[in-house]
Amino acid sequence: MNQGLLFTTKPTQSRLNLLPKDGVAIYRPGFISATECAKLMEELQQSLQWEADRLMMFGKLVITRRKVAWVGDPACTYTYSGVKKQPQAWTSELLAIKRQLENIAHSEFNSCLLNFYHDGADGMGWHSDDENELDAQSPIASLSLGATRKFAFRHKQDKSTTSLLLENGSALIMHAPTQQFWQHTLLKTKTIHTPRINLTFRKINVSNE
């Protein structure tokens, strides 16, 4: 593991809210450099245990091509789509990124869900990050590495949408009550042939465990 890996963030980034109502989503392009992104992608692929995602859909178990890794404090188990995940231990690289995202999100995180998309054929359907374990008042901080991909929001009531391109090294901070009112998706595309890793830092409620 590369103990000397440091991440230099840019202090002046966009602070405009992407959402017209019922939530706050702040996009920060160039949060870390392209060189640092490449190093981090390599480190994450080597240091974490990746596995196909397993989802319960309409009573059936679906195994995805997309790979996932769940990292966090020891008590941070996480259940979604009927599957319970046990956390892997933090790496030094993930802890460094976590501290920097905590600074801009003004919140503390105790877990991180990582998704590995091989190419544009891997995506994520419409959903909200609103599982019972998640602290509904805590923001969710997302870091994108690798291929630029289109990301969209859809309001749960009026179905209005807004979208953006998540670039290599960019951060997206979704503040409450975004998950209550909006769904989001990573759209599939036939034009992307390179991989992407997305890291979403979260706060899991563990007080009752």
C-alpha atoms as a PDB file:
ATOM      1  CA  MET A   1       0.000   0.000   0.000  1.00  0.00           C
ATOM      2  CA  ASN A   2       1.314   3.406  -0.900  1.00  0.00           C
ATOM      3  CA  GLN A   3       1.575   5.295   2.392  1.00  0.00           C
ATOM      4  CA  GLY A   4       2.841   8.379   0.564  1.00  0.00           C
ATOM      5  CA  LEU A   5      -0.302   8.850  -1.491  1.00  0.00           C
ATOM      6  CA  LEU A   6      -1.665  12.337  -0.827  1.00  0.00           C
ATOM      7  CA  PHE A   7      -4.668  14.076  -2.295  1.00  0.00           C
ATOM      8  CA  THR A   8      -4.588  17.755  -3.183  1.00  0.00           C
ATOM      9  CA  THR A   9      -8.044  19.292  -3.368  1.00  0.00           C
ATOM     10  CA  LYS A  10      -9.009  22.563  -4.990  1.00  0.00           C
ATOM     11  CA  PRO A  11     -10.618  25.143  -2.661  1.00  0.00           C
ATOM     12  CA  THR A  12     -12.564  27.048  -5.329  1.00  0.00           C
ATOM     13  CA  GLN A  13     -15.254  24.838  -6.821  1.00  0.00           C
ATOM     14  CA  SER A  14     -18.883  25.269  -7.860  1.00  0.00           C
ATOM     15  CA  ARG A  15     -21.254  25.741  -4.911  1.00  0.00           C
ATOM     16  CA  LEU A  16     -24.436  26.018  -6.987  1.00  0.00           C
ATOM     17  CA  ASN A  17     -27.300  23.738  -6.038  1.00  0.00           C
ATOM     18  CA  LEU A  18     -28.125  21.377  -8.912  1.00  0.00           C
ATOM     19  CA  LEU A  19     -31.663  20.775  -7.648  1.00  0.00           C
ATOM     20  CA  PRO A  20     -34.488  23.293  -8.169  1.00  0.00           C
ATOM     21  CA  LYS A  21     -36.303  22.305  -4.958  1.00  0.00           C
ATOM     22  CA  ASP A  22     -36.588  19.767  -2.110  1.00  0.00           C
ATOM     23  CA  GLY A  23     -32.903  19.108  -1.659  1.00  0.00           C
ATOM     24  CA  VAL A  24     -29.324  20.285  -2.119  1.00  0.00           C
ATOM     25  CA  ALA A  25     -26.741  18.654  -4.400  1.00  0.00           C
ATOM     26  CA  ILE A  26     -23.388  20.408  -4.836  1.00  0.00           C
ATOM     27  CA  TYR A  27     -21.013  19.410  -7.649  1.00  0.00           C
ATOM     28  CA  ARG A  28     -17.258  20.009  -7.314  1.00  0.00           C
ATOM     29  CA  PRO A  29     -15.316  19.194 -10.520  1.00  0.00           C
ATOM     30  CA  GLY A  30     -11.590  18.551 -10.188  1.00  0.00           C
ATOM     31  CA  PHE A  31     -11.768  17.731  -6.482  1.00  0.00           C
ATOM     32  CA  ILE A  32      -8.621  15.621  -6.949  1.00  0.00           C
ATOM     33  CA  SER A  33      -6.236  15.595  -9.923  1.00  0.00           C
ATOM     34  CA  ALA A  34      -6.195  13.127 -12.802  1.00  0.00           C
ATOM     35  CA  THR A  35      -2.822  11.770 -11.660  1.00  0.00           C
ATOM     36  CA  GLU A  36      -4.142  11.161  -8.149  1.00  0.00           C
ATOM     37  CA  CYS A  37      -7.281   9.549  -9.586  1.00  0.00           C
ATOM     38  CA  ALA A  38      -5.223   7.042 -11.562  1.00  0.00           C
ATOM     39  CA  LYS A  39      -3.160   6.126  -8.487  1.00  0.00           C
ATOM     40  CA  LEU A  40      -6.275   5.779  -6.343  1.00  0.00           C
ATOM     41  CA  MET A  41      -8.071   3.580  -8.890  1.00  0.00           C
ATOM     42  CA  GLU A  42      -5.091   1.228  -8.988  1.00  0.00           C
ATOM     43  CA  GLU A  43      -4.813   1.110  -5.200  1.00  0.00           C
ATOM     44  CA  LEU A  44      -8.513   0.399  -4.714  1.00  0.00           C
ATOM     45  CA  GLN A  45      -8.563  -2.428  -7.252  1.00  0.00           C
ATOM     46  CA  GLN A  46      -5.617  -4.081  -5.511  1.00  0.00           C
ATOM     47  CA  SER A  47      -6.431  -3.458  -1.839  1.00  0.00           C
ATOM     48  CA  LEU A  48     -10.175  -4.215  -1.657  1.00  0.00           C
ATOM     49  CA  GLN A  49     -12.196  -7.376  -2.083  1.00  0.00           C
ATOM     50  CA  TRP A  50     -14.628  -6.772  -4.937  1.00  0.00           C
ATOM     51  CA  GLU A  51     -17.654  -8.941  -5.629  1.00  0.00           C
ATOM     52  CA  ALA A  52     -20.659  -8.889  -7.917  1.00  0.00           C
ATOM     53  CA  ASP A  53     -23.584  -7.023  -6.398  1.00  0.00           C
ATOM     54  CA  ARG A  54     -26.468  -9.241  -5.268  1.00  0.00           C
ATOM     55  CA  LEU A  55     -29.956  -7.710  -5.373  1.00  0.00           C
ATOM     56  CA  MET A  56     -33.394  -9.028  -4.541  1.00  0.00           C
ATOM     57  CA  MET A  57     -35.770  -7.925  -7.319  1.00  0.00           C
ATOM     58  CA  PHE A  58     -39.382  -9.099  -7.394  1.00  0.00           C
ATOM     59  CA  GLY A  59     -38.485 -11.953  -5.057  1.00  0.00           C
ATOM     60  CA  LYS A  60     -35.561 -13.187  -7.155  1.00  0.00           C
ATOM     61  CA  LEU A  61     -31.826 -12.881  -6.535  1.00  0.00           C
ATOM     62  CA  VAL A  62     -30.073 -10.912  -9.290  1.00  0.00           C
ATOM     63  CA  ILE A  63     -26.276 -10.949  -9.608  1.00  0.00           C
ATOM     64  CA  THR A  64     -24.866  -7.910 -11.394  1.00  0.00           C
ATOM     65  CA  ARG A  65     -21.880  -7.514 -13.687  1.00  0.00           C
ATOM     66  CA  ARG A  66     -21.046  -4.379 -11.713  1.00  0.00           C
ATOM     67  CA  LYS A  67     -18.711  -5.027  -8.757  1.00  0.00           C
ATOM     68  CA  VAL A  68     -19.087  -3.580  -5.261  1.00  0.00           C
ATOM     69  CA  ALA A  69     -17.080  -3.226  -2.063  1.00  0.00           C
ATOM     70  CA  TRP A  70     -18.460  -2.140   1.315  1.00  0.00           C
ATOM     71  CA  VAL A  71     -15.968  -0.486   3.694  1.00  0.00           C
ATOM     72  CA  GLY A  72     -16.540   0.988   7.125  1.00  0.00           C
ATOM     73  CA  ASP A  73     -16.240   0.926  10.880  1.00  0.00           C
ATOM     74  CA  PRO A  74     -16.753  -2.575  12.358  1.00  0.00           C
ATOM     75  CA  ALA A  75     -20.387  -2.015  13.403  1.00  0.00           C
ATOM     76  CA  CYS A  76     -21.465  -0.634  10.032  1.00  0.00           C
ATOM     77  CA  THR A  77     -23.457  -3.487   8.526  1.00  0.00           C
ATOM     78  CA  TYR A  78     -25.646  -2.385   5.635  1.00  0.00           C
ATOM     79  CA  THR A  79     -28.713  -3.975   4.079  1.00  0.00           C
ATOM     80  CA  TYR A  80     -30.206  -3.053   0.729  1.00  0.00           C
ATOM     81  CA  SER A  81     -32.342  -5.004  -1.715  1.00  0.00           C
ATOM     82  CA  GLY A  82     -32.627  -7.717   0.919  1.00  0.00           C
ATOM     83  CA  VAL A  83     -28.888  -8.435   1.135  1.00  0.00           C
ATOM     84  CA  LYS A  84     -26.842  -7.698   4.281  1.00  0.00           C
ATOM     85  CA  LYS A  85     -23.246  -6.572   3.836  1.00  0.00           C
ATOM     86  CA  GLN A  86     -20.400  -6.737   6.367  1.00  0.00           C
ATOM     87  CA  PRO A  87     -17.777  -3.960   6.095  1.00  0.00           C
ATOM     88  CA  GLN A  88     -14.184  -4.361   5.006  1.00  0.00           C
ATOM     89  CA  ALA A  89     -11.574  -2.411   6.965  1.00  0.00           C
ATOM     90  CA  TRP A  90     -10.610   1.132   5.954  1.00  0.00           C
ATOM     91  CA  THR A  91      -7.461   1.581   3.876  1.00  0.00           C
ATOM     92  CA  SER A  92      -5.175   4.565   4.382  1.00  0.00           C
ATOM     93  CA  GLU A  93      -6.196   5.974   0.982  1.00  0.00           C
ATOM     94  CA  LEU A  94      -9.904   5.783   1.798  1.00  0.00           C
ATOM     95  CA  LEU A  95      -9.371   7.404   5.194  1.00  0.00           C
ATOM     96  CA  ALA A  96      -7.490  10.279   3.545  1.00  0.00           C
ATOM     97  CA  ILE A  97     -10.312  10.875   1.050  1.00  0.00           C
ATOM     98  CA  LYS A  98     -12.914  10.516   3.813  1.00  0.00           C
ATOM     99  CA  ARG A  99     -11.313  13.282   5.884  1.00  0.00           C
ATOM    100  CA  GLN A 100     -11.248  15.678   2.944  1.00  0.00           C
ATOM    101  CA  LEU A 101     -14.857  14.987   1.981  1.00  0.00           C
ATOM    102  CA  GLU A 102     -15.904  15.413   5.612  1.00  0.00           C
ATOM    103  CA  ASN A 103     -14.345  18.887   5.524  1.00  0.00           C
ATOM    104  CA  ILE A 104     -16.430  20.057   2.572  1.00  0.00           C
ATOM    105  CA  ALA A 105     -19.604  18.200   3.603  1.00  0.00           C
ATOM    106  CA  HIS A 106     -19.368  19.446   7.213  1.00  0.00           C
ATOM    107  CA  SER A 107     -20.267  15.979   8.435  1.00  0.00           C
ATOM    108  CA  GLU A 108     -18.609  12.768   9.593  1.00  0.00           C
ATOM    109  CA  PHE A 109     -18.822   9.469   7.698  1.00  0.00           C
ATOM    110  CA  ASN A 110     -18.351   5.946   9.050  1.00  0.00           C
ATOM    111  CA  SER A 111     -18.746   3.900   5.863  1.00  0.00           C
ATOM    112  CA  CYS A 112     -18.238   3.871   2.115  1.00  0.00           C
ATOM    113  CA  LEU A 113     -19.927   1.959  -0.701  1.00  0.00           C
ATOM    114  CA  LEU A 114     -17.737   1.538  -3.778  1.00  0.00           C
ATOM    115  CA  ASN A 115     -19.053   0.557  -7.212  1.00  0.00           C
ATOM    116  CA  PHE A 116     -16.819  -0.628 -10.062  1.00  0.00           C
ATOM    117  CA  TYR A 117     -18.319  -0.089 -13.533  1.00  0.00           C
ATOM    118  CA  HIS A 118     -16.376  -1.989 -16.212  1.00  0.00           C
ATOM    119  CA  ASP A 119     -17.669   0.261 -19.030  1.00  0.00           C
ATOM    120  CA  GLY A 120     -20.832   1.988 -20.204  1.00  0.00           C
ATOM    121  CA  ALA A 121     -22.767  -1.294 -20.206  1.00  0.00           C
ATOM    122  CA  ASP A 122     -22.710  -1.181 -16.387  1.00  0.00           C
ATOM    123  CA  GLY A 123     -25.090   1.290 -14.789  1.00  0.00           C
ATOM    124  CA  MET A 124     -27.420   1.855 -11.862  1.00  0.00           C
ATOM    125  CA  GLY A 125     -31.210   2.104 -12.039  1.00  0.00           C
ATOM    126  CA  TRP A 126     -33.399   4.721 -10.407  1.00  0.00           C
ATOM    127  CA  HIS A 127     -33.144   4.607  -6.607  1.00  0.00           C
ATOM    128  CA  SER A 128     -32.724   6.691  -3.465  1.00  0.00           C
ATOM    129  CA  ASP A 129     -30.122   6.116  -0.774  1.00  0.00           C
ATOM    130  CA  ASP A 130     -32.748   5.967   1.961  1.00  0.00           C
ATOM    131  CA  GLU A 131     -32.274   2.584   3.628  1.00  0.00           C
ATOM    132  CA  ASN A 132     -33.187   2.338   7.316  1.00  0.00           C
ATOM    133  CA  GLU A 133     -29.557   2.061   8.441  1.00  0.00           C
ATOM    134  CA  LEU A 134     -28.590   5.403   6.887  1.00  0.00           C
ATOM    135  CA  ASP A 135     -28.691   8.604   8.927  1.00  0.00           C
ATOM    136  CA  ALA A 136     -31.341  10.556   7.007  1.00  0.00           C
ATOM    137  CA  GLN A 137     -29.931  13.906   8.150  1.00  0.00           C
ATOM    138  CA  SER A 138     -26.362  13.178   7.077  1.00  0.00           C
ATOM    139  CA  PRO A 139     -25.143  14.131   3.592  1.00  0.00           C
ATOM    140  CA  ILE A 140     -23.827  11.526   1.170  1.00  0.00           C
ATOM    141  CA  ALA A 141     -20.508  12.430  -0.443  1.00  0.00           C
ATOM    142  CA  SER A 142     -19.643  10.835  -3.781  1.00  0.00           C
ATOM    143  CA  LEU A 143     -16.255  10.747  -5.536  1.00  0.00           C
ATOM    144  CA  SER A 144     -15.936   9.726  -9.203  1.00  0.00           C
ATOM    145  CA  LEU A 145     -12.815   8.097 -10.661  1.00  0.00           C
ATOM    146  CA  GLY A 146     -12.207   7.140 -14.268  1.00  0.00           C
ATOM    147  CA  ALA A 147     -14.666   7.438 -17.156  1.00  0.00           C
ATOM    148  CA  THR A 148     -17.021  10.419 -17.284  1.00  0.00           C
ATOM    149  CA  ARG A 149     -20.616   9.213 -16.924  1.00  0.00           C
ATOM    150  CA  LYS A 150     -24.050  10.829 -17.080  1.00  0.00           C
ATOM    151  CA  PHE A 151     -25.871  11.045 -13.738  1.00  0.00           C
ATOM    152  CA  ALA A 152     -29.502  12.104 -13.395  1.00  0.00           C
ATOM    153  CA  PHE A 153     -31.970  13.092 -10.674  1.00  0.00           C
ATOM    154  CA  ARG A 154     -35.750  12.513 -10.858  1.00  0.00           C
ATOM    155  CA  HIS A 155     -38.246  14.053  -8.444  1.00  0.00           C
ATOM    156  CA  LYS A 156     -40.442  11.408  -6.813  1.00  0.00           C
ATOM    157  CA  GLN A 157     -43.638  13.448  -7.083  1.00  0.00           C
ATOM    158  CA  ASP A 158     -43.647  15.533 -10.241  1.00  0.00           C
ATOM    159  CA  LYS A 159     -41.084  13.351 -12.131  1.00  0.00           C
ATOM    160  CA  SER A 160     -39.041  16.387 -13.195  1.00  0.00           C
ATOM    161  CA  THR A 161     -35.414  15.555 -14.008  1.00  0.00           C
ATOM    162  CA  THR A 162     -32.014  17.173 -14.066  1.00  0.00           C
ATOM    163  CA  SER A 163     -28.688  15.656 -15.061  1.00  0.00           C
ATOM    164  CA  LEU A 164     -24.950  16.272 -15.191  1.00  0.00           C
ATOM    165  CA  LEU A 165     -21.723  14.584 -16.263  1.00  0.00           C
ATOM    166  CA  LEU A 166     -19.690  13.181 -13.372  1.00  0.00           C
ATOM    167  CA  GLU A 167     -16.081  13.769 -14.390  1.00  0.00           C
ATOM    168  CA  ASN A 168     -12.888  12.053 -13.301  1.00  0.00           C
ATOM    169  CA  GLY A 169     -11.877  13.381  -9.868  1.00  0.00           C
ATOM    170  CA  SER A 170     -15.161  15.162  -9.205  1.00  0.00           C
ATOM    171  CA  ALA A 171     -17.134  15.165  -5.955  1.00  0.00           C
ATOM    172  CA  LEU A 172     -20.910  15.356  -5.514  1.00  0.00           C
ATOM    173  CA  ILE A 173     -22.378  16.173  -2.094  1.00  0.00           C
ATOM    174  CA  MET A 174     -26.075  15.346  -1.613  1.00  0.00           C
ATOM    175  CA  HIS A 175     -27.522  16.986   1.493  1.00  0.00           C
ATOM    176  CA  ALA A 176     -30.793  16.196   3.262  1.00  0.00           C
ATOM    177  CA  PRO A 177     -33.615  16.057   2.327  1.00  0.00           C
ATOM    178  CA  THR A 178     -32.443  15.095  -1.192  1.00  0.00           C
ATOM    179  CA  GLN A 179     -32.937  11.336  -0.709  1.00  0.00           C
ATOM    180  CA  GLN A 180     -36.461  11.877   0.602  1.00  0.00           C
ATOM    181  CA  PHE A 181     -37.658  13.682  -2.520  1.00  0.00           C
ATOM    182  CA  TRP A 182     -35.336  12.589  -5.335  1.00  0.00           C
ATOM    183  CA  GLN A 183     -34.164   9.404  -7.014  1.00  0.00           C
ATOM    184  CA  HIS A 184     -30.933   9.189  -8.987  1.00  0.00           C
ATOM    185  CA  THR A 185     -29.425   6.954 -11.646  1.00  0.00           C
ATOM    186  CA  LEU A 186     -26.184   6.307 -13.509  1.00  0.00           C
ATOM    187  CA  LEU A 187     -27.218   5.955 -17.146  1.00  0.00           C
ATOM    188  CA  LYS A 188     -25.884   3.195 -19.371  1.00  0.00           C
ATOM    189  CA  THR A 189     -24.225   4.064 -22.667  1.00  0.00           C
ATOM    190  CA  LYS A 190     -22.639   2.240 -25.610  1.00  0.00           C
ATOM    191  CA  THR A 191     -20.019   4.952 -26.120  1.00  0.00           C
ATOM    192  CA  ILE A 192     -17.962   4.412 -22.943  1.00  0.00           C
ATOM    193  CA  HIS A 193     -15.413   1.573 -23.057  1.00  0.00           C
ATOM    194  CA  THR A 194     -13.277   2.377 -20.002  1.00  0.00           C
ATOM    195  CA  PRO A 195     -13.923   1.698 -16.298  1.00  0.00           C
ATOM    196  CA  ARG A 196     -15.196   3.935 -13.535  1.00  0.00           C
ATOM    197  CA  ILE A 197     -15.117   3.631  -9.743  1.00  0.00           C
ATOM    198  CA  ASN A 198     -17.587   5.577  -7.629  1.00  0.00           C
ATOM    199  CA  LEU A 199     -17.148   6.017  -3.880  1.00  0.00           C
ATOM    200  CA  THR A 200     -20.131   7.109  -1.762  1.00  0.00           C
ATOM    201  CA  PHE A 201     -19.307   8.009   1.816  1.00  0.00           C
ATOM    202  CA  ARG A 202     -22.209   7.620   4.259  1.00  0.00           C
ATOM    203  CA  LYS A 203     -23.145   7.700   7.928  1.00  0.00           C
ATOM    204  CA  ILE A 204     -24.726   4.507   9.251  1.00  0.00           C
ATOM    205  CA  ASN A 205     -26.798   4.548  12.446  1.00  0.00           C
ATOM    206  CA  VAL A 206     -25.127   2.136  14.860  1.00  0.00           C
ATOM    207  CA  SER A 207     -26.294   3.422  18.259  1.00  0.00           C
ATOM    208  CA  ASN A 208     -28.818   0.617  18.772  1.00  0.00           C
ATOM    209  CA  GLU A 209     -26.450  -2.216  17.894  1.00  0.00           C
END
